């Protein structure tokens, strides 16, 4: 059988390829936007926030030494304080390795925002060797606690097949949860995925989302 590509057919193929590439580009660029979000965890005490502000104004502030002592003793807020301080270089030289150290300590205590940030650090190779599998691990832990940006980034990795086997149904599921939890980019991603998926895949994704919600995002 001989296929004859007319100009209109060629144009259709070109458009399909263009839209596919643009979707992929959108997902890659959107992670960069997420990189700037969610650094400071909700629920910081007034003392911690005040200390952070004071240190930014005065490099000789005793806050850093005090926070180091508290962090070494396992104080969660101090660990987050130091991780954010070194990640952004606020009053100290920017040091991603030290940021990863304290984000890891906080993440191991179950802090969702620290877990999300570790996912970011591993994705970009900031202070660590780039490792998408590690990103999936930490995004998942944060996503299981209802962190919408982690849910979105987890959806993105399932779509791109980075650190995990490509799975549009799971990508759609996590994008759906991110959207339901107030992260608008989750809705955009869900819309893009819906265009790529078959009716049966969409049905599977909705079923997965329903079951995951019943389990409050655990072991989805």
N, C-alpha and C. Protein backbone atom coordinates (compact mmCIF):
# COMPACT_ATOMS: atom_id res chain seq x y z
N UNK A 1 0.85 -1.20 0.00
CA UNK A 1 0.00 0.00 0.00
C UNK A 1 0.88 1.24 0.00
N UNK A 2 0.56 2.18 -0.85
CA UNK A 2 1.35 3.41 -0.97
C UNK A 2 0.55 4.58 -0.40
N UNK A 3 1.16 5.29 0.54
CA UNK A 3 0.53 6.46 1.14
C UNK A 3 1.00 7.72 0.42
N UNK A 4 0.06 8.54 0.02
CA UNK A 4 0.38 9.79 -0.65
C UNK A 4 0.10 10.94 0.32
N UNK A 5 1.14 11.67 0.68
CA UNK A 5 0.99 12.77 1.62
C UNK A 5 0.69 14.05 0.85
N UNK A 6 -0.53 14.49 0.96
CA UNK A 6 -0.91 15.75 0.34
C UNK A 6 -0.43 16.89 1.23
N UNK A 7 -0.54 18.09 0.72
CA UNK A 7 -0.12 19.26 1.49
C UNK A 7 -0.94 19.40 2.77
N UNK A 8 -2.24 19.11 2.69
CA UNK A 8 -3.11 19.24 3.87
C UNK A 8 -2.76 18.21 4.93
N UNK A 9 -2.44 16.98 4.48
CA UNK A 9 -2.05 15.93 5.43
C UNK A 9 -0.74 16.29 6.11
N UNK A 10 0.20 16.78 5.33
CA UNK A 10 1.50 17.18 5.89
C UNK A 10 1.32 18.28 6.91
N UNK A 11 0.41 19.21 6.60
CA UNK A 11 0.16 20.32 7.52
C UNK A 11 -0.44 19.81 8.83
N UNK A 12 -1.36 18.84 8.72
CA UNK A 12 -1.97 18.27 9.92
C UNK A 12 -0.91 17.60 10.80
N UNK A 13 -0.03 16.85 10.17
CA UNK A 13 1.05 16.17 10.92
C UNK A 13 1.95 17.20 11.59
N UNK A 14 2.28 18.25 10.84
CA UNK A 14 3.13 19.32 11.41
C UNK A 14 2.47 19.94 12.63
N UNK A 15 1.17 20.19 12.52
CA UNK A 15 0.44 20.79 13.65
C UNK A 15 0.42 19.87 14.86
N UNK A 16 0.22 18.57 14.62
CA UNK A 16 0.20 17.62 15.72
C UNK A 16 1.54 17.58 16.43
N UNK A 17 2.62 17.54 15.63
CA UNK A 17 3.97 17.52 16.21
C UNK A 17 4.21 18.81 16.99
N UNK A 18 3.81 19.94 16.45
CA UNK A 18 3.99 21.23 17.10
C UNK A 18 3.30 21.27 18.45
N UNK A 19 2.03 20.85 18.47
CA UNK A 19 1.26 20.88 19.71
C UNK A 19 1.84 19.92 20.74
N UNK A 20 2.34 18.77 20.28
CA UNK A 20 2.95 17.81 21.20
C UNK A 20 4.20 18.41 21.84
N UNK A 21 5.04 19.03 21.00
CA UNK A 21 6.28 19.65 21.50
C UNK A 21 5.96 20.78 22.45
N UNK A 22 4.94 21.59 22.11
CA UNK A 22 4.58 22.72 22.97
C UNK A 22 4.05 22.24 24.31
N UNK A 23 3.31 21.13 24.32
CA UNK A 23 2.83 20.57 25.58
C UNK A 23 4.00 20.16 26.46
N UNK A 24 4.96 19.46 25.85
CA UNK A 24 6.13 19.04 26.60
C UNK A 24 6.89 20.25 27.14
N UNK A 25 7.03 21.28 26.30
CA UNK A 25 7.74 22.49 26.72
C UNK A 25 7.02 23.16 27.87
N UNK A 26 5.70 23.19 27.81
CA UNK A 26 4.91 23.79 28.89
C UNK A 26 5.18 23.09 30.21
N UNK A 27 5.21 21.77 30.19
CA UNK A 27 5.42 21.00 31.42
C UNK A 27 6.82 21.25 31.97
N UNK A 28 7.82 21.31 31.09
CA UNK A 28 9.19 21.58 31.55
C UNK A 28 9.31 22.97 32.15
N UNK A 29 8.75 23.98 31.46
CA UNK A 29 8.86 25.35 31.94
C UNK A 29 8.07 25.57 33.22
N UNK A 30 6.96 24.88 33.36
CA UNK A 30 6.13 25.08 34.54
C UNK A 30 6.83 24.63 35.80
N UNK A 31 7.75 23.67 35.71
CA UNK A 31 8.49 23.26 36.89
C UNK A 31 9.38 24.39 37.38
N UNK A 32 9.95 25.16 36.43
CA UNK A 32 10.78 26.29 36.81
C UNK A 32 9.97 27.29 37.62
N UNK A 33 8.71 27.48 37.23
CA UNK A 33 7.84 28.38 37.97
C UNK A 33 7.59 27.84 39.38
N UNK A 34 7.38 26.53 39.47
CA UNK A 34 7.13 25.91 40.78
C UNK A 34 8.34 26.01 41.68
N UNK A 35 9.52 26.09 41.08
CA UNK A 35 10.75 26.16 41.85
C UNK A 35 10.75 27.36 42.80
N UNK A 36 10.06 28.42 42.40
CA UNK A 36 10.04 29.63 43.23
C UNK A 36 8.96 29.59 44.30
N UNK A 37 8.14 28.55 44.32
CA UNK A 37 7.00 28.51 45.23
C UNK A 37 7.24 27.56 46.40
N UNK A 38 6.59 27.87 47.50
CA UNK A 38 6.52 26.90 48.59
C UNK A 38 7.77 26.71 49.41
N UNK A 39 8.68 27.68 49.41
CA UNK A 39 9.92 27.51 50.17
C UNK A 39 9.69 27.56 51.66
N UNK A 40 8.93 28.55 52.09
CA UNK A 40 8.70 28.72 53.53
C UNK A 40 7.47 27.94 53.95
N UNK A 41 7.65 27.07 54.91
CA UNK A 41 6.53 26.23 55.33
C UNK A 41 5.50 27.00 56.10
N UNK A 42 4.24 26.63 55.95
CA UNK A 42 3.19 27.26 56.74
C UNK A 42 3.34 26.89 58.21
N UNK A 43 2.92 27.79 59.08
CA UNK A 43 2.94 27.46 60.50
C UNK A 43 4.22 27.82 61.21
N UNK A 44 5.09 28.60 60.56
CA UNK A 44 6.29 29.03 61.27
C UNK A 44 5.90 29.92 62.44
N UNK A 45 6.63 29.79 63.52
CA UNK A 45 6.34 30.61 64.69
C UNK A 45 6.77 32.05 64.43
N UNK A 46 6.21 32.96 65.20
CA UNK A 46 6.59 34.37 65.08
C UNK A 46 8.07 34.54 65.36
N UNK A 47 8.59 33.78 66.34
CA UNK A 47 10.01 33.90 66.70
C UNK A 47 10.91 33.51 65.53
N UNK A 48 10.54 32.45 64.82
CA UNK A 48 11.36 31.99 63.70
C UNK A 48 11.32 33.00 62.57
N UNK A 49 10.13 33.52 62.25
CA UNK A 49 10.01 34.50 61.18
C UNK A 49 10.76 35.78 61.53
N UNK A 50 10.67 36.19 62.79
CA UNK A 50 11.37 37.40 63.23
C UNK A 50 12.88 37.20 63.14
N UNK A 51 13.33 36.01 63.55
CA UNK A 51 14.75 35.71 63.48
C UNK A 51 15.27 35.71 62.07
N UNK A 52 14.47 35.19 61.15
CA UNK A 52 14.85 35.16 59.74
C UNK A 52 15.00 36.58 59.20
N UNK A 53 14.02 37.43 59.53
CA UNK A 53 14.06 38.82 59.07
C UNK A 53 15.25 39.56 59.67
N UNK A 54 15.52 39.30 60.95
CA UNK A 54 16.63 39.98 61.62
C UNK A 54 17.96 39.59 61.00
N UNK A 55 18.10 38.32 60.65
CA UNK A 55 19.36 37.86 60.09
C UNK A 55 19.60 38.47 58.71
N UNK A 56 18.53 38.67 57.95
CA UNK A 56 18.66 39.27 56.63
C UNK A 56 19.15 40.70 56.74
N UNK A 57 18.76 41.39 57.81
CA UNK A 57 19.16 42.78 58.00
C UNK A 57 20.55 42.89 58.61
N UNK A 58 20.93 41.92 59.41
CA UNK A 58 22.19 42.02 60.14
C UNK A 58 22.93 40.70 60.05
N UNK A 59 24.02 40.68 59.27
CA UNK A 59 24.77 39.43 59.08
C UNK A 59 25.44 38.97 60.38
N UNK A 60 25.62 39.90 61.33
CA UNK A 60 26.25 39.53 62.59
C UNK A 60 25.23 39.15 63.66
N UNK A 61 23.99 38.99 63.24
CA UNK A 61 22.94 38.62 64.18
C UNK A 61 23.25 37.27 64.81
N UNK A 62 23.00 37.13 66.12
CA UNK A 62 23.24 35.84 66.78
C UNK A 62 22.22 34.79 66.38
N UNK A 63 21.21 35.18 65.58
CA UNK A 63 20.15 34.23 65.21
C UNK A 63 20.71 32.99 64.54
N UNK A 64 21.73 33.15 63.68
CA UNK A 64 22.25 32.01 62.94
C UNK A 64 22.85 30.97 63.88
N UNK A 65 23.67 31.40 64.81
CA UNK A 65 24.29 30.46 65.77
C UNK A 65 23.22 29.78 66.61
N UNK A 66 22.26 30.55 67.06
CA UNK A 66 21.18 29.99 67.88
C UNK A 66 20.36 28.98 67.10
N UNK A 67 20.06 29.30 65.84
CA UNK A 67 19.26 28.39 65.02
C UNK A 67 20.04 27.12 64.69
N UNK A 68 21.35 27.25 64.51
CA UNK A 68 22.18 26.06 64.27
C UNK A 68 22.12 25.11 65.46
N UNK A 69 22.21 25.68 66.65
CA UNK A 69 22.15 24.86 67.86
C UNK A 69 20.80 24.15 67.97
N UNK A 70 19.74 24.90 67.74
CA UNK A 70 18.40 24.31 67.81
C UNK A 70 18.20 23.24 66.73
N UNK A 71 18.70 23.53 65.54
CA UNK A 71 18.54 22.58 64.44
C UNK A 71 19.26 21.27 64.73
N UNK A 72 20.46 21.37 65.26
CA UNK A 72 21.23 20.16 65.60
C UNK A 72 20.52 19.35 66.68
N UNK A 73 19.72 20.04 67.51
CA UNK A 73 18.97 19.35 68.57
C UNK A 73 17.67 18.76 68.05
N UNK A 74 17.40 18.98 66.75
CA UNK A 74 16.21 18.39 66.14
C UNK A 74 15.03 19.32 66.03
N UNK A 75 15.23 20.62 66.30
CA UNK A 75 14.13 21.58 66.21
C UNK A 75 13.73 21.77 64.75
N UNK A 76 12.49 21.43 64.43
CA UNK A 76 12.01 21.43 63.06
C UNK A 76 12.02 22.84 62.45
N UNK A 77 11.52 23.81 63.19
CA UNK A 77 11.47 25.17 62.66
C UNK A 77 12.86 25.70 62.37
N UNK A 78 13.82 25.40 63.22
CA UNK A 78 15.19 25.86 63.01
C UNK A 78 15.78 25.20 61.77
N UNK A 79 15.47 23.95 61.56
CA UNK A 79 15.97 23.25 60.38
C UNK A 79 15.44 23.88 59.09
N UNK A 80 14.14 24.21 59.09
CA UNK A 80 13.54 24.85 57.93
C UNK A 80 14.13 26.25 57.73
N UNK A 81 14.32 26.95 58.84
CA UNK A 81 14.92 28.29 58.80
C UNK A 81 16.28 28.23 58.11
N UNK A 82 17.14 27.32 58.55
CA UNK A 82 18.49 27.23 57.99
C UNK A 82 18.47 26.77 56.54
N UNK A 83 17.61 25.81 56.24
CA UNK A 83 17.51 25.31 54.86
C UNK A 83 17.15 26.44 53.90
N UNK A 84 16.18 27.25 54.28
CA UNK A 84 15.75 28.36 53.43
C UNK A 84 16.82 29.44 53.35
N UNK A 85 17.48 29.68 54.48
CA UNK A 85 18.53 30.68 54.54
C UNK A 85 19.64 30.35 53.53
N UNK A 86 20.11 29.10 53.56
CA UNK A 86 21.22 28.71 52.70
C UNK A 86 20.79 28.49 51.26
N UNK A 87 19.56 28.09 51.06
CA UNK A 87 19.10 27.89 49.69
C UNK A 87 19.10 29.22 48.93
N UNK A 88 18.66 30.29 49.60
CA UNK A 88 18.54 31.57 48.93
C UNK A 88 19.74 32.49 49.16
N UNK A 89 20.62 32.12 50.11
CA UNK A 89 21.76 32.98 50.40
C UNK A 89 21.36 34.26 51.07
N UNK A 90 20.41 34.19 51.97
CA UNK A 90 19.93 35.38 52.69
C UNK A 90 20.84 35.68 53.87
N UNK A 91 21.80 36.58 53.67
CA UNK A 91 22.72 36.96 54.74
C UNK A 91 23.88 35.99 54.94
N UNK A 92 23.88 34.91 54.16
CA UNK A 92 24.97 33.93 54.19
C UNK A 92 25.29 33.56 52.74
N UNK A 93 26.49 33.02 52.49
CA UNK A 93 26.78 32.56 51.13
C UNK A 93 25.79 31.46 50.74
N UNK A 94 25.28 31.54 49.53
CA UNK A 94 24.35 30.50 49.08
C UNK A 94 25.06 29.16 49.07
N UNK A 95 24.46 28.17 49.71
CA UNK A 95 25.10 26.87 49.87
C UNK A 95 24.02 25.78 49.75
N UNK A 96 23.87 25.24 48.56
CA UNK A 96 22.82 24.26 48.31
C UNK A 96 23.04 22.95 49.10
N UNK A 97 24.29 22.56 49.28
CA UNK A 97 24.56 21.33 50.03
C UNK A 97 24.06 21.45 51.47
N UNK A 98 24.33 22.61 52.08
CA UNK A 98 23.86 22.82 53.45
C UNK A 98 22.34 22.90 53.47
N UNK A 99 21.76 23.53 52.45
CA UNK A 99 20.30 23.60 52.36
C UNK A 99 19.70 22.20 52.28
N UNK A 100 20.31 21.34 51.46
CA UNK A 100 19.83 19.96 51.33
C UNK A 100 19.94 19.23 52.66
N UNK A 101 21.04 19.47 53.38
CA UNK A 101 21.23 18.83 54.68
C UNK A 101 20.06 19.12 55.61
N UNK A 102 19.67 20.41 55.70
CA UNK A 102 18.62 20.77 56.65
C UNK A 102 17.23 20.45 56.11
N UNK A 103 17.03 20.55 54.82
CA UNK A 103 15.76 20.12 54.26
C UNK A 103 15.54 18.63 54.51
N UNK A 104 16.64 17.86 54.39
CA UNK A 104 16.54 16.42 54.61
C UNK A 104 16.18 16.11 56.06
N UNK A 105 16.82 16.81 57.00
CA UNK A 105 16.52 16.59 58.42
C UNK A 105 15.04 16.88 58.69
N UNK A 106 14.55 17.99 58.13
CA UNK A 106 13.15 18.36 58.34
C UNK A 106 12.21 17.40 57.62
N UNK A 107 12.59 17.00 56.41
CA UNK A 107 11.75 16.08 55.64
C UNK A 107 11.61 14.74 56.33
N UNK A 108 12.69 14.29 56.95
CA UNK A 108 12.64 13.01 57.67
C UNK A 108 11.75 13.08 58.90
N UNK A 109 11.47 14.30 59.35
CA UNK A 109 10.53 14.48 60.46
C UNK A 109 9.09 14.63 59.95
N UNK A 110 8.93 14.52 58.64
CA UNK A 110 7.60 14.55 58.06
C UNK A 110 7.11 15.91 57.60
N UNK A 111 8.00 16.89 57.48
CA UNK A 111 7.59 18.24 57.07
C UNK A 111 7.34 18.25 55.56
N UNK A 112 6.09 18.49 55.15
CA UNK A 112 5.69 18.39 53.74
C UNK A 112 6.41 19.39 52.85
N UNK A 113 6.57 20.63 53.31
CA UNK A 113 7.22 21.63 52.47
C UNK A 113 8.70 21.31 52.31
N UNK A 114 9.33 20.80 53.34
CA UNK A 114 10.73 20.37 53.23
C UNK A 114 10.84 19.22 52.24
N UNK A 115 9.89 18.30 52.28
CA UNK A 115 9.88 17.18 51.34
C UNK A 115 9.73 17.67 49.91
N UNK A 116 8.81 18.62 49.73
CA UNK A 116 8.62 19.20 48.39
C UNK A 116 9.91 19.86 47.90
N UNK A 117 10.56 20.64 48.78
CA UNK A 117 11.79 21.33 48.39
C UNK A 117 12.91 20.35 48.07
N UNK A 118 12.97 19.24 48.79
CA UNK A 118 13.97 18.22 48.46
C UNK A 118 13.73 17.66 47.07
N UNK A 119 12.46 17.49 46.72
CA UNK A 119 12.13 17.05 45.37
C UNK A 119 12.67 18.01 44.33
N UNK A 120 12.52 19.31 44.60
CA UNK A 120 13.04 20.34 43.70
C UNK A 120 14.56 20.25 43.61
N UNK A 121 15.22 20.15 44.76
CA UNK A 121 16.69 20.12 44.78
C UNK A 121 17.23 18.94 43.99
N UNK A 122 16.58 17.79 44.14
CA UNK A 122 17.03 16.60 43.41
C UNK A 122 16.73 16.70 41.92
N UNK A 123 15.62 17.35 41.57
CA UNK A 123 15.28 17.52 40.15
C UNK A 123 16.30 18.39 39.44
N UNK A 124 16.70 19.48 40.09
CA UNK A 124 17.62 20.43 39.46
C UNK A 124 19.09 20.13 39.75
N UNK A 125 19.35 19.16 40.63
CA UNK A 125 20.74 18.88 40.98
C UNK A 125 21.36 20.00 41.79
N UNK A 126 20.60 20.57 42.71
CA UNK A 126 21.10 21.66 43.55
C UNK A 126 21.63 21.09 44.85
N UNK A 127 22.94 21.05 44.98
CA UNK A 127 23.58 20.50 46.18
C UNK A 127 23.67 18.99 46.18
N UNK A 128 23.11 18.36 45.16
CA UNK A 128 23.13 16.90 45.02
C UNK A 128 23.26 16.56 43.54
N UNK A 129 23.58 15.31 43.26
CA UNK A 129 23.58 14.83 41.88
C UNK A 129 22.12 14.73 41.42
N UNK A 130 21.77 15.24 40.24
CA UNK A 130 20.37 15.16 39.78
C UNK A 130 19.86 13.73 39.83
N UNK A 131 18.69 13.55 40.41
CA UNK A 131 18.14 12.22 40.61
C UNK A 131 16.61 12.30 40.63
N UNK A 132 15.99 11.96 39.51
CA UNK A 132 14.53 12.05 39.43
C UNK A 132 13.84 11.03 40.32
N UNK A 133 14.49 9.88 40.54
CA UNK A 133 13.88 8.89 41.42
C UNK A 133 13.76 9.44 42.85
N UNK A 134 14.79 10.15 43.27
CA UNK A 134 14.73 10.78 44.60
C UNK A 134 13.65 11.87 44.61
N UNK A 135 13.51 12.58 43.50
CA UNK A 135 12.45 13.60 43.41
C UNK A 135 11.08 12.96 43.57
N UNK A 136 10.88 11.84 42.89
CA UNK A 136 9.60 11.13 42.99
C UNK A 136 9.33 10.73 44.43
N UNK A 137 10.36 10.23 45.10
CA UNK A 137 10.23 9.81 46.50
C UNK A 137 9.73 10.95 47.38
N UNK A 138 10.40 12.11 47.28
CA UNK A 138 10.06 13.21 48.18
C UNK A 138 8.78 13.93 47.75
N UNK A 139 8.55 14.04 46.45
CA UNK A 139 7.28 14.61 46.00
C UNK A 139 6.11 13.76 46.48
N UNK A 140 6.30 12.44 46.43
CA UNK A 140 5.23 11.53 46.84
C UNK A 140 4.91 11.71 48.32
N UNK A 141 5.94 11.82 49.14
CA UNK A 141 5.71 11.98 50.58
C UNK A 141 4.97 13.28 50.88
N UNK A 142 5.34 14.35 50.16
CA UNK A 142 4.64 15.61 50.35
C UNK A 142 3.23 15.55 49.77
N UNK A 143 3.08 14.91 48.62
CA UNK A 143 1.77 14.78 47.97
C UNK A 143 0.81 14.00 48.85
N UNK A 144 1.32 13.00 49.55
CA UNK A 144 0.48 12.20 50.44
C UNK A 144 -0.05 13.01 51.62
N UNK A 145 0.61 14.14 51.89
CA UNK A 145 0.13 15.03 52.96
C UNK A 145 -0.76 16.14 52.40
N UNK A 146 -1.05 16.07 51.11
CA UNK A 146 -1.94 17.03 50.50
C UNK A 146 -1.28 18.28 49.96
N UNK A 147 0.05 18.28 49.85
CA UNK A 147 0.74 19.44 49.30
C UNK A 147 0.45 19.54 47.79
N UNK A 148 -0.27 20.57 47.35
CA UNK A 148 -0.72 20.63 45.96
C UNK A 148 0.39 20.82 44.94
N UNK A 149 1.46 21.56 45.31
CA UNK A 149 2.55 21.77 44.35
C UNK A 149 3.32 20.47 44.17
N UNK A 150 3.49 19.71 45.24
CA UNK A 150 4.14 18.40 45.13
C UNK A 150 3.28 17.47 44.29
N UNK A 151 1.98 17.53 44.46
CA UNK A 151 1.07 16.72 43.66
C UNK A 151 1.19 17.07 42.18
N UNK A 152 1.29 18.35 41.91
CA UNK A 152 1.45 18.80 40.52
C UNK A 152 2.76 18.29 39.93
N UNK A 153 3.86 18.48 40.67
CA UNK A 153 5.16 18.06 40.16
C UNK A 153 5.24 16.54 40.00
N UNK A 154 4.57 15.82 40.86
CA UNK A 154 4.52 14.36 40.73
C UNK A 154 3.76 13.99 39.46
N UNK A 155 2.68 14.69 39.19
CA UNK A 155 1.92 14.47 37.95
C UNK A 155 2.81 14.72 36.74
N UNK A 156 3.58 15.79 36.81
CA UNK A 156 4.48 16.14 35.71
C UNK A 156 5.51 15.04 35.44
N UNK A 157 6.06 14.48 36.52
CA UNK A 157 7.06 13.42 36.34
C UNK A 157 6.44 12.15 35.76
N UNK A 158 5.21 11.85 36.16
CA UNK A 158 4.52 10.69 35.57
C UNK A 158 4.25 10.92 34.09
N UNK A 159 3.95 12.15 33.73
CA UNK A 159 3.70 12.46 32.32
C UNK A 159 4.98 12.36 31.49
N UNK A 160 6.09 12.90 32.02
CA UNK A 160 7.35 12.92 31.29
C UNK A 160 8.13 11.62 31.41
N UNK A 161 7.72 10.76 32.36
CA UNK A 161 8.45 9.52 32.56
C UNK A 161 9.83 9.75 33.15
N UNK A 162 9.93 10.68 34.07
CA UNK A 162 11.21 11.00 34.71
C UNK A 162 11.21 10.48 36.15
N UNK A 163 12.08 9.52 36.42
CA UNK A 163 12.17 8.94 37.75
C UNK A 163 11.11 7.89 38.01
N UNK A 164 10.21 7.72 37.07
CA UNK A 164 9.11 6.77 37.19
C UNK A 164 8.64 6.44 35.78
N UNK A 165 8.04 5.27 35.61
CA UNK A 165 7.55 4.88 34.29
C UNK A 165 6.42 5.81 33.87
N UNK A 166 6.46 6.26 32.62
CA UNK A 166 5.41 7.16 32.11
C UNK A 166 4.03 6.51 32.28
N UNK A 167 3.11 7.30 32.87
CA UNK A 167 1.76 6.79 33.11
C UNK A 167 0.80 7.97 33.10
N UNK A 168 0.05 8.12 32.01
CA UNK A 168 -0.84 9.26 31.86
C UNK A 168 -1.98 9.23 32.87
N UNK A 169 -2.44 8.03 33.23
CA UNK A 169 -3.54 7.92 34.19
C UNK A 169 -3.11 8.45 35.55
N UNK A 170 -1.91 8.08 36.00
CA UNK A 170 -1.41 8.58 37.29
C UNK A 170 -1.08 10.07 37.21
N UNK A 171 -0.58 10.51 36.05
CA UNK A 171 -0.31 11.93 35.88
C UNK A 171 -1.60 12.73 36.00
N UNK A 172 -2.64 12.24 35.36
CA UNK A 172 -3.95 12.90 35.41
C UNK A 172 -4.50 12.89 36.84
N UNK A 173 -4.34 11.77 37.53
CA UNK A 173 -4.82 11.65 38.90
C UNK A 173 -4.19 12.70 39.81
N UNK A 174 -2.87 12.82 39.76
CA UNK A 174 -2.19 13.77 40.65
C UNK A 174 -2.46 15.21 40.22
N UNK A 175 -2.57 15.45 38.92
CA UNK A 175 -2.92 16.80 38.46
C UNK A 175 -4.31 17.17 38.95
N UNK A 176 -5.20 16.20 38.94
CA UNK A 176 -6.57 16.40 39.43
C UNK A 176 -6.56 16.79 40.91
N UNK A 177 -5.77 16.08 41.70
CA UNK A 177 -5.68 16.40 43.13
C UNK A 177 -5.07 17.79 43.36
N UNK A 178 -4.02 18.11 42.59
CA UNK A 178 -3.39 19.42 42.72
C UNK A 178 -4.40 20.52 42.43
N UNK A 179 -5.19 20.31 41.39
CA UNK A 179 -6.23 21.28 41.02
C UNK A 179 -7.29 21.41 42.12
N UNK A 180 -7.72 20.26 42.63
CA UNK A 180 -8.76 20.26 43.68
C UNK A 180 -8.28 20.94 44.95
N UNK A 181 -6.95 20.91 45.16
CA UNK A 181 -6.38 21.53 46.36
C UNK A 181 -5.93 22.97 46.12
N UNK A 182 -6.38 23.55 45.00
CA UNK A 182 -6.19 24.97 44.80
C UNK A 182 -5.02 25.41 43.96
N UNK A 183 -4.28 24.46 43.36
CA UNK A 183 -3.14 24.84 42.53
C UNK A 183 -3.60 24.90 41.07
N UNK A 184 -3.71 26.11 40.53
CA UNK A 184 -4.33 26.32 39.22
C UNK A 184 -3.60 25.60 38.08
N UNK A 185 -2.29 25.50 38.19
CA UNK A 185 -1.53 24.84 37.12
C UNK A 185 -1.88 23.36 37.03
N UNK A 186 -2.40 22.80 38.12
CA UNK A 186 -2.87 21.42 38.09
C UNK A 186 -4.02 21.26 37.12
N UNK A 187 -4.91 22.24 37.10
CA UNK A 187 -6.04 22.21 36.18
C UNK A 187 -5.57 22.32 34.73
N UNK A 188 -4.57 23.17 34.49
CA UNK A 188 -4.02 23.31 33.14
C UNK A 188 -3.39 22.00 32.67
N UNK A 189 -2.63 21.37 33.56
CA UNK A 189 -2.00 20.10 33.20
C UNK A 189 -3.04 19.02 32.96
N UNK A 190 -4.05 18.99 33.80
CA UNK A 190 -5.12 18.00 33.62
C UNK A 190 -5.79 18.19 32.26
N UNK A 191 -5.98 19.43 31.85
CA UNK A 191 -6.58 19.70 30.55
C UNK A 191 -5.72 19.21 29.40
N UNK A 192 -4.42 19.43 29.51
CA UNK A 192 -3.50 18.96 28.47
C UNK A 192 -3.50 17.45 28.39
N UNK A 193 -3.48 16.82 29.55
CA UNK A 193 -3.47 15.36 29.58
C UNK A 193 -4.75 14.78 29.01
N UNK A 194 -5.87 15.41 29.32
CA UNK A 194 -7.16 14.94 28.82
C UNK A 194 -7.18 14.90 27.30
N UNK A 195 -6.53 15.87 26.66
CA UNK A 195 -6.46 15.90 25.20
C UNK A 195 -5.66 14.73 24.64
N UNK A 196 -4.68 14.26 25.42
CA UNK A 196 -3.81 13.18 24.95
C UNK A 196 -4.35 11.79 25.25
N UNK A 197 -5.29 11.70 26.18
CA UNK A 197 -5.73 10.40 26.68
C UNK A 197 -6.99 9.89 25.98
N UNK A 198 -7.11 8.56 25.95
CA UNK A 198 -8.31 7.93 25.42
C UNK A 198 -9.40 7.97 26.48
N UNK A 199 -10.62 7.67 26.08
CA UNK A 199 -11.74 7.66 27.02
C UNK A 199 -11.52 6.66 28.14
N UNK A 200 -10.95 5.50 27.81
CA UNK A 200 -10.71 4.48 28.84
C UNK A 200 -9.63 4.92 29.81
N UNK A 201 -8.61 5.63 29.32
CA UNK A 201 -7.55 6.14 30.20
C UNK A 201 -8.10 7.20 31.16
N UNK A 202 -8.95 8.06 30.65
CA UNK A 202 -9.55 9.09 31.49
C UNK A 202 -10.44 8.46 32.56
N UNK A 203 -11.18 7.44 32.17
CA UNK A 203 -12.02 6.73 33.13
C UNK A 203 -11.17 6.10 34.22
N UNK A 204 -10.04 5.50 33.82
CA UNK A 204 -9.13 4.90 34.80
C UNK A 204 -8.57 5.96 35.74
N UNK A 205 -8.19 7.11 35.17
CA UNK A 205 -7.61 8.19 35.98
C UNK A 205 -8.60 8.69 37.01
N UNK A 206 -9.84 8.85 36.63
CA UNK A 206 -10.87 9.33 37.55
C UNK A 206 -11.14 8.31 38.65
N UNK A 207 -11.09 7.04 38.29
CA UNK A 207 -11.28 5.98 39.28
C UNK A 207 -10.12 5.98 40.28
N UNK A 208 -8.89 6.14 39.75
CA UNK A 208 -7.71 6.20 40.61
C UNK A 208 -7.80 7.39 41.56
N UNK A 209 -8.24 8.53 41.04
CA UNK A 209 -8.34 9.74 41.86
C UNK A 209 -9.35 9.54 42.99
N UNK A 210 -10.47 8.89 42.67
CA UNK A 210 -11.51 8.65 43.67
C UNK A 210 -11.00 7.74 44.78
N UNK A 211 -10.32 6.66 44.39
CA UNK A 211 -9.77 5.73 45.37
C UNK A 211 -8.67 6.38 46.21
N UNK A 212 -7.85 7.19 45.55
CA UNK A 212 -6.75 7.87 46.26
C UNK A 212 -7.29 8.84 47.29
N UNK A 213 -8.35 9.54 46.94
CA UNK A 213 -8.95 10.49 47.86
C UNK A 213 -9.52 9.78 49.09
N UNK A 214 -10.11 8.61 48.87
CA UNK A 214 -10.65 7.82 49.98
C UNK A 214 -9.54 7.42 50.95
N UNK A 215 -8.34 7.23 50.42
CA UNK A 215 -7.20 6.83 51.25
C UNK A 215 -6.41 8.05 51.72
N UNK A 216 -7.00 9.23 51.54
CA UNK A 216 -6.35 10.50 51.89
C UNK A 216 -4.92 10.57 51.31
N UNK A 217 -4.82 10.22 50.06
CA UNK A 217 -3.59 10.32 49.25
C UNK A 217 -2.51 9.30 49.61
N UNK A 218 -2.78 8.40 50.54
CA UNK A 218 -1.75 7.45 50.97
C UNK A 218 -1.75 6.21 50.06
N UNK A 219 -0.55 5.77 49.66
CA UNK A 219 -0.39 4.54 48.88
C UNK A 219 -1.26 4.53 47.63
N UNK A 220 -1.25 5.65 46.92
CA UNK A 220 -2.07 5.75 45.71
C UNK A 220 -1.38 5.10 44.50
